[in-house]
Amino acid sequence: MGQANRRPTCAADSFRQQMRDFLLSRPGVFRSVNVANHETIYASGDQDDTVYCIERGQVKVEVLSPQGKACIVSLYGRGDVFGELCVSGLLDRMETAVAMEEADLKLIPRSQFLMCLSRESLLEGFVKYLATRLADQQQVILSLTTRECEYRLATTLLKLVQRLGRIDDHGVRIEPRISHEELSRMVGTTRPRISVFMHRFRELGLVETSVDHFLIVKKNKLNDYLAEAVYA
């Protein structure tokens, strides 16, 4: 397996490391659970006052439109916190969280999470972490409202490279495996259109599939493709 794709240190990375260090210093204090690939952690409408921290694995969070169409709004990996909306006092989940691969999670009750933020000097890091995520969500909204689907897909692939990428001999490998259906829910289009765009990207040499069926992204070529689109 290749080395993890290195990214500049940012507020989100710093908070992830703080959370890992904090949990390692408190073994056995918070309940741990193992969830299987594709297992639902919580569903929209569930009453749940737990904040989750990922020790291993990947989790996707999706919401349903009034028409019942699912949209993946976030992907989380090791060190990420999710389910934090319960901190606001809203105990009814507005979204559904599903494991994208087998995952180990720490479950932190809302009251204890708030206490830890205050007592363990984690509050500032958590606020910056949320601000970073808010900025990411704003970029997603901007892309959905101003860019064509094909370029939204290219942007989505680059975000996946940043969050889930590992250096590969042929480019950057995205882990775990992400289906065209999942990509369609991130981009906001149909699965057949994603298949057409991905076929075009393969013809252009922007992506390929490894022998073990992982998606390989040619990061520099994809960046050039988007840059040319801006000035076209």
C-alpha atoms as a PDB file:
ATOM      1  CA  MET A   1       0.000   0.000   0.000  1.00  0.00           C
ATOM      2  CA  GLY A   2       1.305   3.471  -0.896  1.00  0.00           C
ATOM      3  CA  GLN A   3       2.034   6.237   1.536  1.00  0.00           C
ATOM      4  CA  ALA A   4      -0.851   8.491   2.496  1.00  0.00           C
ATOM      5  CA  ASN A   5      -1.253  11.508   0.274  1.00  0.00           C
ATOM      6  CA  ARG A   6       0.291  14.359   2.214  1.00  0.00           C
ATOM      7  CA  ARG A   7      -1.656  17.615   2.503  1.00  0.00           C
ATOM      8  CA  PRO A   8      -0.784  20.918   4.130  1.00  0.00           C
ATOM      9  CA  THR A   9      -1.593  21.093   7.831  1.00  0.00           C
ATOM     10  CA  CYS A  10      -4.892  22.869   8.420  1.00  0.00           C
ATOM     11  CA  ALA A  11      -7.334  23.453  11.244  1.00  0.00           C
ATOM     12  CA  ALA A  12      -9.271  20.276  10.433  1.00  0.00           C
ATOM     13  CA  ASP A  13      -6.123  18.131  10.467  1.00  0.00           C
ATOM     14  CA  SER A  14      -5.026  19.675  13.748  1.00  0.00           C
ATOM     15  CA  PHE A  15      -8.357  18.915  15.441  1.00  0.00           C
ATOM     16  CA  ARG A  16      -8.357  15.334  14.138  1.00  0.00           C
ATOM     17  CA  GLN A  17      -4.962  14.817  15.731  1.00  0.00           C
ATOM     18  CA  GLN A  18      -6.163  16.433  18.973  1.00  0.00           C
ATOM     19  CA  MET A  19      -9.127  14.073  19.103  1.00  0.00           C
ATOM     20  CA  ARG A  20      -6.954  11.023  18.429  1.00  0.00           C
ATOM     21  CA  ASP A  21      -4.545  12.055  21.180  1.00  0.00           C
ATOM     22  CA  PHE A  22      -7.403  12.759  23.595  1.00  0.00           C
ATOM     23  CA  LEU A  23      -9.092   9.402  23.012  1.00  0.00           C
ATOM     24  CA  LEU A  24      -5.800   7.531  23.283  1.00  0.00           C
ATOM     25  CA  SER A  25      -5.232   9.198  26.654  1.00  0.00           C
ATOM     26  CA  ARG A  26      -8.658   7.985  27.883  1.00  0.00           C
ATOM     27  CA  PRO A  27      -8.742   4.270  27.033  1.00  0.00           C
ATOM     28  CA  GLY A  28     -11.962   2.604  28.071  1.00  0.00           C
ATOM     29  CA  VAL A  29     -13.738   5.828  29.046  1.00  0.00           C
ATOM     30  CA  PHE A  30     -15.986   5.941  25.977  1.00  0.00           C
ATOM     31  CA  ARG A  31     -17.811   3.030  24.381  1.00  0.00           C
ATOM     32  CA  SER A  32     -16.353   1.619  21.163  1.00  0.00           C
ATOM     33  CA  VAL A  33     -18.348  -0.069  18.410  1.00  0.00           C
ATOM     34  CA  ASN A  34     -17.396  -1.899  15.247  1.00  0.00           C
ATOM     35  CA  VAL A  35     -19.700  -1.401  12.259  1.00  0.00           C
ATOM     36  CA  ALA A  36     -19.747  -3.513   9.120  1.00  0.00           C
ATOM     37  CA  ASN A  37     -19.392  -2.254   5.574  1.00  0.00           C
ATOM     38  CA  HIS A  38     -22.677  -0.625   4.421  1.00  0.00           C
ATOM     39  CA  GLU A  39     -24.125  -0.762   7.960  1.00  0.00           C
ATOM     40  CA  THR A  40     -26.327   2.183   8.966  1.00  0.00           C
ATOM     41  CA  ILE A  41     -24.976   3.933  12.056  1.00  0.00           C
ATOM     42  CA  TYR A  42     -28.034   6.132  12.471  1.00  0.00           C
ATOM     43  CA  ALA A  43     -30.887   7.123  10.167  1.00  0.00           C
ATOM     44  CA  SER A  44     -32.807  10.297   9.534  1.00  0.00           C
ATOM     45  CA  GLY A  45     -35.468  10.689  12.215  1.00  0.00           C
ATOM     46  CA  ASP A  46     -33.603   8.657  14.830  1.00  0.00           C
ATOM     47  CA  GLN A  47     -33.319  10.184  18.287  1.00  0.00           C
ATOM     48  CA  ASP A  48     -29.643  10.179  19.159  1.00  0.00           C
ATOM     49  CA  ASP A  49     -27.571  12.412  21.447  1.00  0.00           C
ATOM     50  CA  THR A  50     -24.200  10.859  20.588  1.00  0.00           C
ATOM     51  CA  VAL A  51     -21.163  12.380  18.892  1.00  0.00           C
ATOM     52  CA  TYR A  52     -19.101   9.863  16.920  1.00  0.00           C
ATOM     53  CA  CYS A  53     -15.353   9.830  16.326  1.00  0.00           C
ATOM     54  CA  ILE A  54     -13.856   7.537  13.689  1.00  0.00           C
ATOM     55  CA  GLU A  55     -10.879   5.496  14.826  1.00  0.00           C
ATOM     56  CA  ARG A  56     -10.709   3.435  11.631  1.00  0.00           C
ATOM     57  CA  GLY A  57     -12.664   3.315   8.393  1.00  0.00           C
ATOM     58  CA  GLN A  58     -14.795   5.656   6.305  1.00  0.00           C
ATOM     59  CA  VAL A  59     -18.346   6.943   6.822  1.00  0.00           C
ATOM     60  CA  LYS A  60     -20.687   8.759   4.443  1.00  0.00           C
ATOM     61  CA  VAL A  61     -23.508  11.058   5.502  1.00  0.00           C
ATOM     62  CA  GLU A  62     -26.454  11.601   3.194  1.00  0.00           C
ATOM     63  CA  VAL A  63     -29.733  13.479   3.267  1.00  0.00           C
ATOM     64  CA  LEU A  64     -32.998  12.889   1.424  1.00  0.00           C
ATOM     65  CA  SER A  65     -34.763  15.465  -0.697  1.00  0.00           C
ATOM     66  CA  PRO A  66     -38.556  15.886  -0.351  1.00  0.00           C
ATOM     67  CA  GLN A  67     -38.795  13.688  -3.453  1.00  0.00           C
ATOM     68  CA  GLY A  68     -36.844  10.938  -1.695  1.00  0.00           C
ATOM     69  CA  LYS A  69     -33.602  11.382  -3.674  1.00  0.00           C
ATOM     70  CA  ALA A  70     -30.454  10.750  -1.619  1.00  0.00           C
ATOM     71  CA  CYS A  71     -27.558  13.206  -1.698  1.00  0.00           C
ATOM     72  CA  ILE A  72     -24.185  12.449  -0.097  1.00  0.00           C
ATOM     73  CA  VAL A  73     -23.161  15.622   1.705  1.00  0.00           C
ATOM     74  CA  SER A  74     -20.031  14.506   3.570  1.00  0.00           C
ATOM     75  CA  LEU A  75     -17.401  11.800   3.723  1.00  0.00           C
ATOM     76  CA  TYR A  76     -15.511  11.223   6.963  1.00  0.00           C
ATOM     77  CA  GLY A  77     -12.343   9.316   7.787  1.00  0.00           C
ATOM     78  CA  ARG A  78      -9.996   8.543  10.663  1.00  0.00           C
ATOM     79  CA  GLY A  79     -10.078  11.209  13.364  1.00  0.00           C
ATOM     80  CA  ASP A  80     -13.209  12.898  12.003  1.00  0.00           C
ATOM     81  CA  VAL A  81     -16.155  13.754  14.223  1.00  0.00           C
ATOM     82  CA  PHE A  82     -19.700  13.427  12.919  1.00  0.00           C
ATOM     83  CA  GLY A  83     -23.194  13.554  14.377  1.00  0.00           C
ATOM     84  CA  GLU A  84     -22.244  16.799  16.133  1.00  0.00           C
ATOM     85  CA  LEU A  85     -25.562  18.495  15.300  1.00  0.00           C
ATOM     86  CA  CYS A  86     -26.916  16.944  18.488  1.00  0.00           C
ATOM     87  CA  VAL A  87     -24.774  19.490  20.372  1.00  0.00           C
ATOM     88  CA  SER A  88     -27.332  22.120  19.315  1.00  0.00           C
ATOM     89  CA  GLY A  89     -30.058  20.238  21.209  1.00  0.00           C
ATOM     90  CA  LEU A  90     -31.575  18.775  18.034  1.00  0.00           C
ATOM     91  CA  LEU A  91     -31.798  15.095  18.939  1.00  0.00           C
ATOM     92  CA  ASP A  92     -33.777  13.999  15.869  1.00  0.00           C
ATOM     93  CA  ARG A  93     -31.245  13.146  13.187  1.00  0.00           C
ATOM     94  CA  MET A  94     -31.685  15.084   9.953  1.00  0.00           C
ATOM     95  CA  GLU A  95     -29.294  12.855   8.022  1.00  0.00           C
ATOM     96  CA  THR A  96     -28.277   9.215   7.670  1.00  0.00           C
ATOM     97  CA  ALA A  97     -24.751   7.956   8.418  1.00  0.00           C
ATOM     98  CA  VAL A  98     -23.542   4.749   6.754  1.00  0.00           C
ATOM     99  CA  ALA A  99     -20.188   2.945   6.930  1.00  0.00           C
ATOM    100  CA  MET A 100     -18.416   2.813   3.553  1.00  0.00           C
ATOM    101  CA  GLU A 101     -16.177   0.034   4.874  1.00  0.00           C
ATOM    102  CA  GLU A 102     -15.751  -1.755   8.172  1.00  0.00           C
ATOM    103  CA  ALA A 103     -15.178   0.953  10.779  1.00  0.00           C
ATOM    104  CA  ASP A 104     -14.339   1.394  14.456  1.00  0.00           C
ATOM    105  CA  LEU A 105     -16.109   4.274  16.198  1.00  0.00           C
ATOM    106  CA  LYS A 106     -15.936   5.942  19.583  1.00  0.00           C
ATOM    107  CA  LEU A 107     -19.325   7.019  20.962  1.00  0.00           C
ATOM    108  CA  ILE A 108     -19.255  10.159  23.094  1.00  0.00           C
ATOM    109  CA  PRO A 109     -22.509  11.263  24.767  1.00  0.00           C
ATOM    110  CA  ARG A 110     -23.396  14.871  23.988  1.00  0.00           C
ATOM    111  CA  SER A 111     -23.038  16.094  27.590  1.00  0.00           C
ATOM    112  CA  GLN A 112     -19.609  14.481  27.958  1.00  0.00           C
ATOM    113  CA  PHE A 113     -18.478  15.794  24.577  1.00  0.00           C
ATOM    114  CA  LEU A 114     -19.330  19.366  25.595  1.00  0.00           C
ATOM    115  CA  MET A 115     -17.556  18.866  28.897  1.00  0.00           C
ATOM    116  CA  CYS A 116     -14.459  17.533  27.143  1.00  0.00           C
ATOM    117  CA  LEU A 117     -14.343  20.468  24.743  1.00  0.00           C
ATOM    118  CA  SER A 118     -14.245  22.833  27.701  1.00  0.00           C
ATOM    119  CA  ARG A 119     -11.945  20.926  30.052  1.00  0.00           C
ATOM    120  CA  GLU A 120      -9.462  19.527  27.535  1.00  0.00           C
ATOM    121  CA  SER A 121      -8.800  22.750  25.574  1.00  0.00           C
ATOM    122  CA  LEU A 122     -10.488  21.291  22.507  1.00  0.00           C
ATOM    123  CA  LEU A 123     -13.103  24.005  22.015  1.00  0.00           C
ATOM    124  CA  GLU A 124     -11.020  26.308  19.813  1.00  0.00           C
ATOM    125  CA  GLY A 125      -9.924  23.417  17.626  1.00  0.00           C
ATOM    126  CA  PHE A 126     -13.500  22.167  17.295  1.00  0.00           C
ATOM    127  CA  VAL A 127     -14.773  25.607  16.242  1.00  0.00           C
ATOM    128  CA  LYS A 128     -12.045  25.860  13.575  1.00  0.00           C
ATOM    129  CA  TYR A 129     -12.820  22.312  12.456  1.00  0.00           C
ATOM    130  CA  LEU A 130     -16.510  23.183  12.017  1.00  0.00           C
ATOM    131  CA  ALA A 131     -15.614  26.418  10.214  1.00  0.00           C
ATOM    132  CA  THR A 132     -13.449  24.455   7.790  1.00  0.00           C
ATOM    133  CA  ARG A 133     -16.288  22.025   7.138  1.00  0.00           C
ATOM    134  CA  LEU A 134     -18.696  24.943   6.630  1.00  0.00           C
ATOM    135  CA  ALA A 135     -16.349  26.430   4.041  1.00  0.00           C
ATOM    136  CA  ASP A 136     -16.239  23.062   2.254  1.00  0.00           C
ATOM    137  CA  GLN A 137     -20.043  22.900   2.223  1.00  0.00           C
ATOM    138  CA  GLN A 138     -20.238  26.414   0.777  1.00  0.00           C
ATOM    139  CA  GLN A 139     -17.911  25.348  -2.026  1.00  0.00           C
ATOM    140  CA  VAL A 140     -20.161  22.355  -2.713  1.00  0.00           C
ATOM    141  CA  ILE A 141     -23.228  24.616  -2.915  1.00  0.00           C
ATOM    142  CA  LEU A 142     -21.381  27.019  -5.220  1.00  0.00           C
ATOM    143  CA  SER A 143     -20.361  24.166  -7.490  1.00  0.00           C
ATOM    144  CA  LEU A 144     -23.895  22.748  -7.608  1.00  0.00           C
ATOM    145  CA  THR A 145     -25.360  26.099  -8.610  1.00  0.00           C
ATOM    146  CA  THR A 146     -22.720  27.374 -11.057  1.00  0.00           C
ATOM    147  CA  ARG A 147     -20.931  24.442 -12.720  1.00  0.00           C
ATOM    148  CA  GLU A 148     -21.954  21.851 -15.273  1.00  0.00           C
ATOM    149  CA  CYS A 149     -22.206  18.249 -14.077  1.00  0.00           C
ATOM    150  CA  GLU A 150     -19.038  17.101 -15.826  1.00  0.00           C
ATOM    151  CA  TYR A 151     -16.933  19.738 -14.086  1.00  0.00           C
ATOM    152  CA  ARG A 152     -18.682  19.099 -10.769  1.00  0.00           C
ATOM    153  CA  LEU A 153     -17.589  15.489 -11.101  1.00  0.00           C
ATOM    154  CA  ALA A 154     -13.989  16.560 -11.747  1.00  0.00           C
ATOM    155  CA  THR A 155     -14.076  18.828  -8.685  1.00  0.00           C
ATOM    156  CA  THR A 156     -15.593  16.028  -6.593  1.00  0.00           C
ATOM    157  CA  LEU A 157     -12.841  13.626  -7.640  1.00  0.00           C
ATOM    158  CA  LEU A 158     -10.193  16.131  -6.576  1.00  0.00           C
ATOM    159  CA  LYS A 159     -11.881  16.522  -3.185  1.00  0.00           C
ATOM    160  CA  LEU A 160     -11.916  12.746  -2.812  1.00  0.00           C
ATOM    161  CA  VAL A 161      -8.213  12.684  -3.651  1.00  0.00           C
ATOM    162  CA  GLN A 162      -7.606  15.216  -0.898  1.00  0.00           C
ATOM    163  CA  ARG A 163      -9.667  13.384   1.710  1.00  0.00           C
ATOM    164  CA  LEU A 164      -9.212   9.713   0.809  1.00  0.00           C
ATOM    165  CA  GLY A 165      -6.269   9.582  -1.576  1.00  0.00           C
ATOM    166  CA  ARG A 166      -3.140   7.439  -1.328  1.00  0.00           C
ATOM    167  CA  ILE A 167      -0.151   7.816  -3.601  1.00  0.00           C
ATOM    168  CA  ASP A 168      -0.079   5.041  -6.189  1.00  0.00           C
ATOM    169  CA  ASP A 169       2.507   4.153  -8.836  1.00  0.00           C
ATOM    170  CA  HIS A 170       0.064   5.407 -11.476  1.00  0.00           C
ATOM    171  CA  GLY A 171      -1.443   8.426  -9.703  1.00  0.00           C
ATOM    172  CA  VAL A 172      -3.533   8.863  -6.565  1.00  0.00           C
ATOM    173  CA  ARG A 173      -5.719   5.940  -5.518  1.00  0.00           C
ATOM    174  CA  ILE A 174      -9.074   6.746  -3.905  1.00  0.00           C
ATOM    175  CA  GLU A 175      -9.948   4.500  -0.987  1.00  0.00           C
ATOM    176  CA  PRO A 176     -12.390   2.984  -0.297  1.00  0.00           C
ATOM    177  CA  ARG A 177     -14.094   1.925  -3.521  1.00  0.00           C
ATOM    178  CA  ILE A 178     -16.754   4.452  -4.549  1.00  0.00           C
ATOM    179  CA  SER A 179     -19.509   3.427  -6.942  1.00  0.00           C
ATOM    180  CA  HIS A 180     -20.942   5.484  -9.788  1.00  0.00           C
ATOM    181  CA  GLU A 181     -24.189   5.610  -7.804  1.00  0.00           C
ATOM    182  CA  GLU A 182     -22.358   7.201  -4.858  1.00  0.00           C
ATOM    183  CA  LEU A 183     -20.617   9.662  -7.178  1.00  0.00           C
ATOM    184  CA  SER A 184     -23.985  10.620  -8.662  1.00  0.00           C
ATOM    185  CA  ARG A 185     -25.257  11.406  -5.144  1.00  0.00           C
ATOM    186  CA  MET A 186     -22.267  13.656  -4.515  1.00  0.00           C
ATOM    187  CA  VAL A 187     -22.434  15.463  -7.851  1.00  0.00           C
ATOM    188  CA  GLY A 188     -26.211  15.835  -8.039  1.00  0.00           C
ATOM    189  CA  THR A 189     -26.893  14.018 -11.294  1.00  0.00           C
ATOM    190  CA  THR A 190     -27.856  10.538 -12.501  1.00  0.00           C
ATOM    191  CA  ARG A 191     -25.736   7.405 -12.414  1.00  0.00           C
ATOM    192  CA  PRO A 192     -25.838   6.950 -16.243  1.00  0.00           C
ATOM    193  CA  ARG A 193     -24.446  10.470 -16.716  1.00  0.00           C
ATOM    194  CA  ILE A 194     -21.648   9.722 -14.255  1.00  0.00           C
ATOM    195  CA  SER A 195     -20.810   6.611 -16.286  1.00  0.00           C
ATOM    196  CA  VAL A 196     -20.617   8.707 -19.475  1.00  0.00           C
ATOM    197  CA  PHE A 197     -18.382  11.321 -17.834  1.00  0.00           C
ATOM    198  CA  MET A 198     -16.096   8.701 -16.276  1.00  0.00           C
ATOM    199  CA  HIS A 199     -15.729   6.990 -19.654  1.00  0.00           C
ATOM    200  CA  ARG A 200     -14.702  10.346 -21.139  1.00  0.00           C
ATOM    201  CA  PHE A 201     -12.255  10.971 -18.296  1.00  0.00           C
ATOM    202  CA  ARG A 202     -10.670   7.567 -18.958  1.00  0.00           C
ATOM    203  CA  GLU A 203     -10.318   8.363 -22.663  1.00  0.00           C
ATOM    204  CA  LEU A 204      -8.638  11.674 -21.738  1.00  0.00           C
ATOM    205  CA  GLY A 205      -6.253   9.882 -19.371  1.00  0.00           C
ATOM    206  CA  LEU A 206      -7.600  11.691 -16.298  1.00  0.00           C
ATOM    207  CA  VAL A 207      -8.559   8.515 -14.408  1.00  0.00           C
ATOM    208  CA  GLU A 208      -8.036   4.768 -14.636  1.00  0.00           C
ATOM    209  CA  THR A 209      -8.943   1.660 -12.651  1.00  0.00           C
ATOM    210  CA  SER A 210      -6.313  -0.394 -10.843  1.00  0.00           C
ATOM    211  CA  VAL A 211      -6.105  -4.185 -11.131  1.00  0.00           C
ATOM    212  CA  ASP A 212      -7.784  -4.431  -7.713  1.00  0.00           C
ATOM    213  CA  HIS A 213     -10.619  -2.156  -8.902  1.00  0.00           C
ATOM    214  CA  PHE A 214      -9.666   1.037  -7.082  1.00  0.00           C
ATOM    215  CA  LEU A 215     -10.088   4.351  -8.879  1.00  0.00           C
ATOM    216  CA  ILE A 216      -6.773   6.014  -9.817  1.00  0.00           C
ATOM    217  CA  VAL A 217      -6.921   9.782 -10.387  1.00  0.00           C
ATOM    218  CA  LYS A 218      -4.286  11.673 -12.372  1.00  0.00           C
ATOM    219  CA  LYS A 219      -4.406  14.695 -10.104  1.00  0.00           C
ATOM    220  CA  ASN A 220      -2.284  17.089 -12.159  1.00  0.00           C
ATOM    221  CA  LYS A 221      -4.066  16.245 -15.412  1.00  0.00           C
ATOM    222  CA  LEU A 222      -7.456  16.693 -13.748  1.00  0.00           C
ATOM    223  CA  ASN A 223      -6.397  20.081 -12.364  1.00  0.00           C
ATOM    224  CA  ASP A 224      -5.263  21.109 -15.866  1.00  0.00           C
ATOM    225  CA  TYR A 225      -8.583  19.918 -17.296  1.00  0.00           C
ATOM    226  CA  LEU A 226     -10.504  22.136 -14.854  1.00  0.00           C
ATOM    227  CA  ALA A 227      -8.183  25.092 -15.497  1.00  0.00           C
ATOM    228  CA  GLU A 228      -8.768  24.814 -19.233  1.00  0.00           C
ATOM    229  CA  ALA A 229     -12.524  24.704 -18.615  1.00  0.00           C
ATOM    230  CA  VAL A 230     -12.354  27.987 -16.652  1.00  0.00           C
ATOM    231  CA  TYR A 231     -10.595  29.806 -19.490  1.00  0.00           C
ATOM    232  CA  ALA A 232     -12.441  28.117 -22.359  1.00  0.00           C
END
